């Protein structure tokens, strides 16, 4: 029978290492031609927007979608997974935590493949819910010594730094300014809703890796043209998705200063089709938009764990 997992049950099962493993598999399958991913589609009404991402991982006998609504009252996430072989429903999950951890895991996978092995200082823009998963994921793939976080609200930032330092047992400090966040950092992560670039290219050290995870629409822009000019390679979840909603990249594409052929898919680096970082001094960039197959790959793992541990409720439909 199909299974339903609520947020509490997902939280009992979900770990960052599990999410990183699932996300990396999804990217590998996509670059091997063994997965299908459909970029996000949106239906907008004055009060509420509906966002849907679809995809399939035949190797996991899984296809499905993540649907979420955005409203002034908040966001509501659900993931539905079906059997490719039969079309029957497999599992439905409440996916607020799942989405946060999966988003962080994507930056973790990119950091694993693109950051220098000795990277130990992380600079982060943003101190919200999504920033938690981002820091946790990067700490899982690199031996971080210090995390510097910049956000506009000082009181919220102080609470965030204390919380993350206790959770990860590493030094997490409030950065004094955007420049302080960037200078001396080996890895930079941006996870904001900013409409304007967050930092200058002149502040970057040679060999820095950047994860840009907040700009998934035309009205958002965390990374400026000056930074994009010094980044090689520019890595994306998928070129198709980036061409549709990468707010950081689309202005340059329209101006002809960036071409589709310059964008490298993360999976192509994972399978060895592209070398990724070529030199220690390269400044690398990962533009994270999010893909359904990332959610589906993780949902399949959570379903298996839930059945093994007797969690969840069987659904009276979809079998």
Protein backbone atom coordinates (compact mmCIF):
# COMPACT_ATOMS: atom_id res chain seq x y z
CA UNK A 1 0.00 0.00 0.00
CA UNK A 2 1.13 3.59 -0.53
CA UNK A 3 2.65 5.27 2.51
CA UNK A 4 2.19 8.76 3.96
CA UNK A 5 4.97 10.34 6.05
CA UNK A 6 4.37 13.53 8.00
CA UNK A 7 7.01 16.09 8.95
CA UNK A 8 7.71 14.46 12.30
CA UNK A 9 8.31 11.06 10.71
CA UNK A 10 10.51 12.54 8.00
CA UNK A 11 12.57 14.23 10.72
CA UNK A 12 13.14 10.89 12.45
CA UNK A 13 14.60 9.38 9.28
CA UNK A 14 16.34 12.20 7.45
CA UNK A 15 20.08 12.85 7.80
CA UNK A 16 22.41 15.07 5.80
CA UNK A 17 24.70 12.20 4.68
CA UNK A 18 21.62 10.36 3.36
CA UNK A 19 20.52 13.48 1.48
CA UNK A 20 23.96 14.10 -0.03
CA UNK A 21 24.11 10.49 -1.25
CA UNK A 22 20.64 10.75 -2.82
CA UNK A 23 21.28 14.10 -4.51
CA UNK A 24 24.59 12.94 -5.96
CA UNK A 25 22.92 9.82 -7.38
CA UNK A 26 20.21 11.96 -8.99
CA UNK A 27 22.78 14.13 -10.74
CA UNK A 28 24.76 11.12 -11.86
CA UNK A 29 21.68 9.45 -13.33
CA UNK A 30 20.70 12.62 -15.18
CA UNK A 31 24.11 12.98 -16.84
CA UNK A 32 24.12 9.30 -17.78
CA UNK A 33 20.80 9.77 -19.57
CA UNK A 34 19.00 7.60 -17.03
CA UNK A 35 16.72 10.26 -15.53
CA UNK A 36 14.18 12.83 -16.67
CA UNK A 37 13.73 16.22 -15.00
CA UNK A 38 11.12 18.86 -15.82
CA UNK A 39 11.89 22.44 -14.72
CA UNK A 40 9.64 24.17 -12.22
CA UNK A 41 6.26 25.35 -13.45
CA UNK A 42 4.28 28.03 -11.64
CA UNK A 43 0.60 28.96 -11.50
CA UNK A 44 0.13 32.40 -9.96
CA UNK A 45 -3.00 33.86 -8.40
CA UNK A 46 -3.23 37.16 -6.51
CA UNK A 47 -3.13 35.44 -3.12
CA UNK A 48 -1.20 32.22 -3.78
CA UNK A 49 1.26 30.65 -6.22
CA UNK A 50 1.50 26.93 -6.97
CA UNK A 51 4.95 25.57 -7.90
CA UNK A 52 5.44 22.08 -9.38
CA UNK A 53 8.66 20.18 -10.23
CA UNK A 54 8.46 16.80 -11.98
CA UNK A 55 10.89 14.03 -12.82
CA UNK A 56 11.68 10.33 -13.07
CA UNK A 57 14.45 7.98 -11.94
CA UNK A 58 13.68 4.66 -13.68
CA UNK A 59 16.63 2.98 -11.99
CA UNK A 60 14.85 3.51 -8.67
CA UNK A 61 11.44 2.61 -10.17
CA UNK A 62 10.40 6.13 -9.20
CA UNK A 63 8.71 9.05 -10.85
CA UNK A 64 6.82 11.90 -9.30
CA UNK A 65 6.59 15.53 -8.40
CA UNK A 66 7.03 18.07 -5.66
CA UNK A 67 4.22 20.60 -5.33
CA UNK A 68 4.25 23.56 -3.00
CA UNK A 69 2.20 26.69 -2.48
CA UNK A 70 3.48 30.09 -1.41
CA UNK A 71 1.14 32.44 0.41
CA UNK A 72 1.52 35.20 2.97
CA UNK A 73 0.67 32.59 5.58
CA UNK A 74 3.66 30.46 4.58
CA UNK A 75 4.84 27.63 2.33
CA UNK A 76 3.39 24.12 2.14
CA UNK A 77 5.37 21.29 0.52
CA UNK A 78 4.34 17.78 -0.59
CA UNK A 79 6.29 15.16 -2.56
CA UNK A 80 4.42 12.39 -4.43
CA UNK A 81 6.33 9.37 -5.77
CA UNK A 82 4.89 6.66 -8.06
CA UNK A 83 6.25 3.36 -9.40
CA UNK A 84 7.53 3.72 -12.96
CA UNK A 85 6.83 0.02 -13.53
CA UNK A 86 3.15 0.06 -12.58
CA UNK A 87 2.08 3.66 -12.17
CA UNK A 88 0.94 2.92 -8.62
CA UNK A 89 1.49 5.46 -5.88
CA UNK A 90 4.46 4.63 -3.60
CA UNK A 91 4.74 7.38 -1.02
CA UNK A 92 3.55 10.88 -0.17
CA UNK A 93 5.67 13.01 2.14
CA UNK A 94 5.29 16.34 3.84
CA UNK A 95 8.41 18.01 2.55
CA UNK A 96 9.29 21.23 4.34
CA UNK A 97 12.29 19.74 6.15
CA UNK A 98 13.04 17.43 3.23
CA UNK A 99 13.28 20.41 0.88
CA UNK A 100 15.53 22.38 3.20
CA UNK A 101 17.93 19.47 3.72
CA UNK A 102 17.88 18.56 0.01
CA UNK A 103 18.66 22.16 -0.98
CA UNK A 104 21.62 22.17 1.38
CA UNK A 105 22.72 18.76 0.14
CA UNK A 106 22.97 20.07 -3.44
CA UNK A 107 25.49 22.66 -2.30
CA UNK A 108 27.23 19.94 -0.31
CA UNK A 109 27.61 17.76 -3.42
CA UNK A 110 28.87 20.72 -5.45
CA UNK A 111 31.33 21.63 -2.71
CA UNK A 112 32.59 18.04 -2.57
CA UNK A 113 33.38 18.11 -6.30
CA UNK A 114 34.46 21.74 -6.79
CA UNK A 115 35.97 23.20 -3.62
CA UNK A 116 39.65 22.77 -2.81
CA UNK A 117 40.27 19.74 -0.57
CA UNK A 118 41.85 21.99 2.07
CA UNK A 119 38.96 24.49 2.18
CA UNK A 120 38.18 25.23 5.83
CA UNK A 121 36.58 28.69 6.08
CA UNK A 122 33.00 29.23 4.90
CA UNK A 123 31.36 32.61 4.36
CA UNK A 124 27.54 32.59 4.25
CA UNK A 125 25.04 35.24 3.20
CA UNK A 126 21.71 34.58 4.90
CA UNK A 127 20.66 33.37 8.34
CA UNK A 128 17.31 31.80 7.58
CA UNK A 129 15.90 28.27 7.54
CA UNK A 130 17.62 27.34 4.28
CA UNK A 131 21.01 28.57 5.49
CA UNK A 132 20.96 25.94 8.24
CA UNK A 133 20.94 23.08 5.75
CA UNK A 134 23.54 24.77 3.58
CA UNK A 135 26.07 25.06 6.39
CA UNK A 136 25.38 21.54 7.66
CA UNK A 137 25.90 20.07 4.19
CA UNK A 138 29.19 21.87 3.57
CA UNK A 139 30.43 20.87 7.03
CA UNK A 140 29.68 17.25 6.05
CA UNK A 141 32.05 17.34 3.06
CA UNK A 142 34.84 19.69 4.21
CA UNK A 143 36.59 19.97 7.59
CA UNK A 144 35.39 23.48 8.38
CA UNK A 145 37.31 25.46 10.97
CA UNK A 146 35.17 28.59 10.89
CA UNK A 147 31.89 29.82 9.43
CA UNK A 148 31.26 33.56 8.98
CA UNK A 149 27.62 34.55 8.50
CA UNK A 150 26.24 37.87 7.32
CA UNK A 151 22.60 38.94 7.64
CA UNK A 152 20.86 42.28 8.03
CA UNK A 153 19.15 41.62 11.38
CA UNK A 154 21.82 41.52 14.10
CA UNK A 155 19.62 39.93 16.79
CA UNK A 156 18.49 37.13 14.49
CA UNK A 157 22.06 36.61 13.28
CA UNK A 158 23.42 36.20 16.82
CA UNK A 159 20.82 33.54 17.64
CA UNK A 160 21.53 31.75 14.35
CA UNK A 161 25.31 31.65 14.92
CA UNK A 162 24.90 30.29 18.45
CA UNK A 163 22.48 27.62 17.26
CA UNK A 164 24.69 26.43 14.40
CA UNK A 165 27.87 26.46 16.50
CA UNK A 166 26.21 24.22 19.09
CA UNK A 167 24.74 21.91 16.46
CA UNK A 168 27.93 21.40 14.43
CA UNK A 169 30.55 21.96 17.13
CA UNK A 170 32.50 24.44 14.99
CA UNK A 171 33.11 28.18 15.28
CA UNK A 172 30.23 30.14 13.73
CA UNK A 173 30.56 33.92 13.97
CA UNK A 174 28.66 36.97 12.79
CA UNK A 175 30.48 38.77 9.97
CA UNK A 176 30.76 42.53 10.29
CA UNK A 177 30.04 43.24 6.63
CA UNK A 178 29.66 41.59 3.22
CA UNK A 179 33.35 42.24 2.57
CA UNK A 180 34.32 40.61 5.87
CA UNK A 181 32.20 37.59 4.90
CA UNK A 182 34.06 37.09 1.62
CA UNK A 183 37.65 38.04 2.33
CA UNK A 184 39.69 35.06 3.49
CA UNK A 185 36.87 32.55 2.90
CA UNK A 186 37.59 29.37 0.95
CA UNK A 187 33.90 28.74 0.23
CA UNK A 188 31.07 31.27 -0.17
CA UNK A 189 27.39 30.36 0.03
CA UNK A 190 24.54 32.71 -0.78
CA UNK A 191 21.03 31.72 0.27
CA UNK A 192 18.99 34.92 0.28
CA UNK A 193 16.13 36.59 -1.61
CA UNK A 194 18.29 39.52 -2.66
CA UNK A 195 17.46 41.37 -5.89
CA UNK A 196 20.97 42.88 -6.12
CA UNK A 197 24.48 41.32 -6.01
CA UNK A 198 25.76 40.58 -2.53
CA UNK A 199 29.53 41.05 -2.94
CA UNK A 200 32.32 42.27 -5.22
CA UNK A 201 34.65 40.04 -7.21
CA UNK A 202 37.63 42.01 -5.87
CA UNK A 203 37.02 40.53 -2.41
CA UNK A 204 37.41 36.91 -3.56
CA UNK A 205 40.59 34.98 -2.87
CA UNK A 206 42.10 32.73 -5.56
CA UNK A 207 40.71 29.21 -5.28
CA UNK A 208 37.36 30.17 -3.77
CA UNK A 209 34.29 28.03 -4.48
CA UNK A 210 30.86 29.73 -4.55
CA UNK A 211 27.45 28.12 -3.99
CA UNK A 212 24.64 30.42 -5.17
CA UNK A 213 21.37 28.93 -3.94
CA UNK A 214 18.90 31.80 -3.60
CA UNK A 215 18.28 33.14 -7.11
CA UNK A 216 15.64 30.94 -8.74
CA UNK A 217 13.64 33.67 -10.47
CA UNK A 218 14.24 36.70 -12.68
CA UNK A 219 13.66 39.14 -9.82
CA UNK A 220 16.52 37.70 -7.73
CA UNK A 221 20.24 38.30 -8.27
CA UNK A 222 22.84 37.34 -5.66
CA UNK A 223 25.91 37.10 -7.95
CA UNK A 224 27.03 40.07 -10.02
CA UNK A 225 28.49 40.16 -13.52
CA UNK A 226 31.94 41.02 -12.14
CA UNK A 227 31.93 37.74 -10.15
CA UNK A 228 30.62 35.67 -13.05
CA UNK A 229 33.47 36.94 -15.24
CA UNK A 230 36.09 35.39 -12.93
CA UNK A 231 34.31 32.05 -12.36
CA UNK A 232 35.39 28.96 -14.30
CA UNK A 233 33.61 26.68 -14.53
CA UNK A 234 30.05 27.92 -14.06
CA UNK A 235 28.20 24.79 -12.91
CA UNK A 236 24.42 24.34 -12.83
CA UNK A 237 21.91 21.67 -11.70
CA UNK A 238 20.75 21.35 -15.29
CA UNK A 239 21.19 23.68 -18.25
CA UNK A 240 17.48 23.47 -19.08
CA UNK A 241 16.49 24.67 -15.61
CA UNK A 242 19.16 27.37 -15.50
CA UNK A 243 17.99 28.80 -18.82
CA UNK A 244 14.50 29.11 -17.37
CA UNK A 245 15.05 30.56 -13.90
CA UNK A 246 18.69 31.29 -12.95
CA UNK A 247 18.30 34.97 -12.10
CA UNK A 248 22.06 35.37 -11.70
CA UNK A 249 22.83 34.06 -15.20
CA UNK A 250 19.93 35.15 -17.40
CA UNK A 251 20.96 38.84 -17.74
CA UNK A 252 24.37 37.82 -19.09
CA UNK A 253 22.83 35.26 -21.41
CA UNK A 254 20.56 37.95 -22.85
CA UNK A 255 23.51 40.30 -23.33
CA UNK A 256 25.52 37.59 -25.08
CA UNK A 257 28.25 37.70 -22.41
CA UNK A 258 27.53 34.10 -21.36
CA UNK A 259 26.59 31.22 -23.61
CA UNK A 260 24.71 28.03 -22.93
CA UNK A 261 27.84 26.05 -23.83
CA UNK A 262 29.77 27.68 -20.97
CA UNK A 263 27.42 26.16 -18.38
CA UNK A 264 28.47 22.74 -17.06
CA UNK A 265 26.01 20.37 -15.41
CA UNK A 266 27.05 19.10 -11.99
CA UNK A 267 26.40 15.50 -13.01
CA UNK A 268 28.89 15.82 -15.89
CA UNK A 269 31.60 16.54 -13.33
CA UNK A 270 30.49 13.65 -11.12
CA UNK A 271 30.69 11.12 -13.99
CA UNK A 272 34.03 12.51 -15.21
CA UNK A 273 32.75 14.03 -18.43
CA UNK A 274 34.09 17.44 -17.35
CA UNK A 275 37.07 18.03 -15.03
CA UNK A 276 35.44 20.74 -12.90
CA UNK A 277 38.19 22.59 -11.02
CA UNK A 278 41.37 22.45 -13.09
CA UNK A 279 43.73 24.52 -10.91
CA UNK A 280 43.97 25.34 -7.19
CA UNK A 281 43.50 29.05 -7.96
CA UNK A 282 40.33 28.62 -10.04
CA UNK A 283 37.24 30.40 -8.72
CA UNK A 284 34.34 28.00 -9.22
CA UNK A 285 30.60 28.62 -9.08
CA UNK A 286 27.60 26.35 -8.56
CA UNK A 287 24.19 27.82 -9.40
CA UNK A 288 21.58 25.79 -7.53
CA UNK A 289 17.97 25.96 -8.75
CA UNK A 290 16.61 22.66 -7.43
CA UNK A 291 15.28 19.65 -9.35
CA UNK A 292 12.47 17.17 -8.80
CA UNK A 293 14.80 14.19 -9.16
CA UNK A 294 16.75 15.37 -6.11
CA UNK A 295 13.56 15.23 -4.02
CA UNK A 296 12.46 11.93 -5.56
CA UNK A 297 15.80 10.20 -4.94
CA UNK A 298 15.67 11.25 -1.30
CA UNK A 299 11.99 10.35 -0.91
CA UNK A 300 12.68 6.80 -2.12
CA UNK A 301 15.33 6.35 0.57
CA UNK A 302 13.01 7.70 3.25
CA UNK A 303 10.22 5.40 2.11
CA UNK A 304 12.48 2.36 2.46
CA UNK A 305 13.60 3.40 5.95
CA UNK A 306 10.02 4.11 7.01
CA UNK A 307 8.80 0.68 5.92
CA UNK A 308 11.76 -0.95 7.66
CA UNK A 309 11.03 0.89 10.93
CA UNK A 310 7.23 0.75 10.79
CA UNK A 311 6.70 4.47 10.40
CA UNK A 312 4.01 6.22 8.39
CA UNK A 313 0.35 5.61 7.61
CA UNK A 314 -0.91 3.46 4.74
CA UNK A 315 -3.04 5.41 2.29
CA UNK A 316 -6.43 4.06 1.13
CA UNK A 317 -5.91 5.20 -2.47
CA UNK A 318 -3.39 5.08 -5.33
CA UNK A 319 -2.35 1.41 -5.12
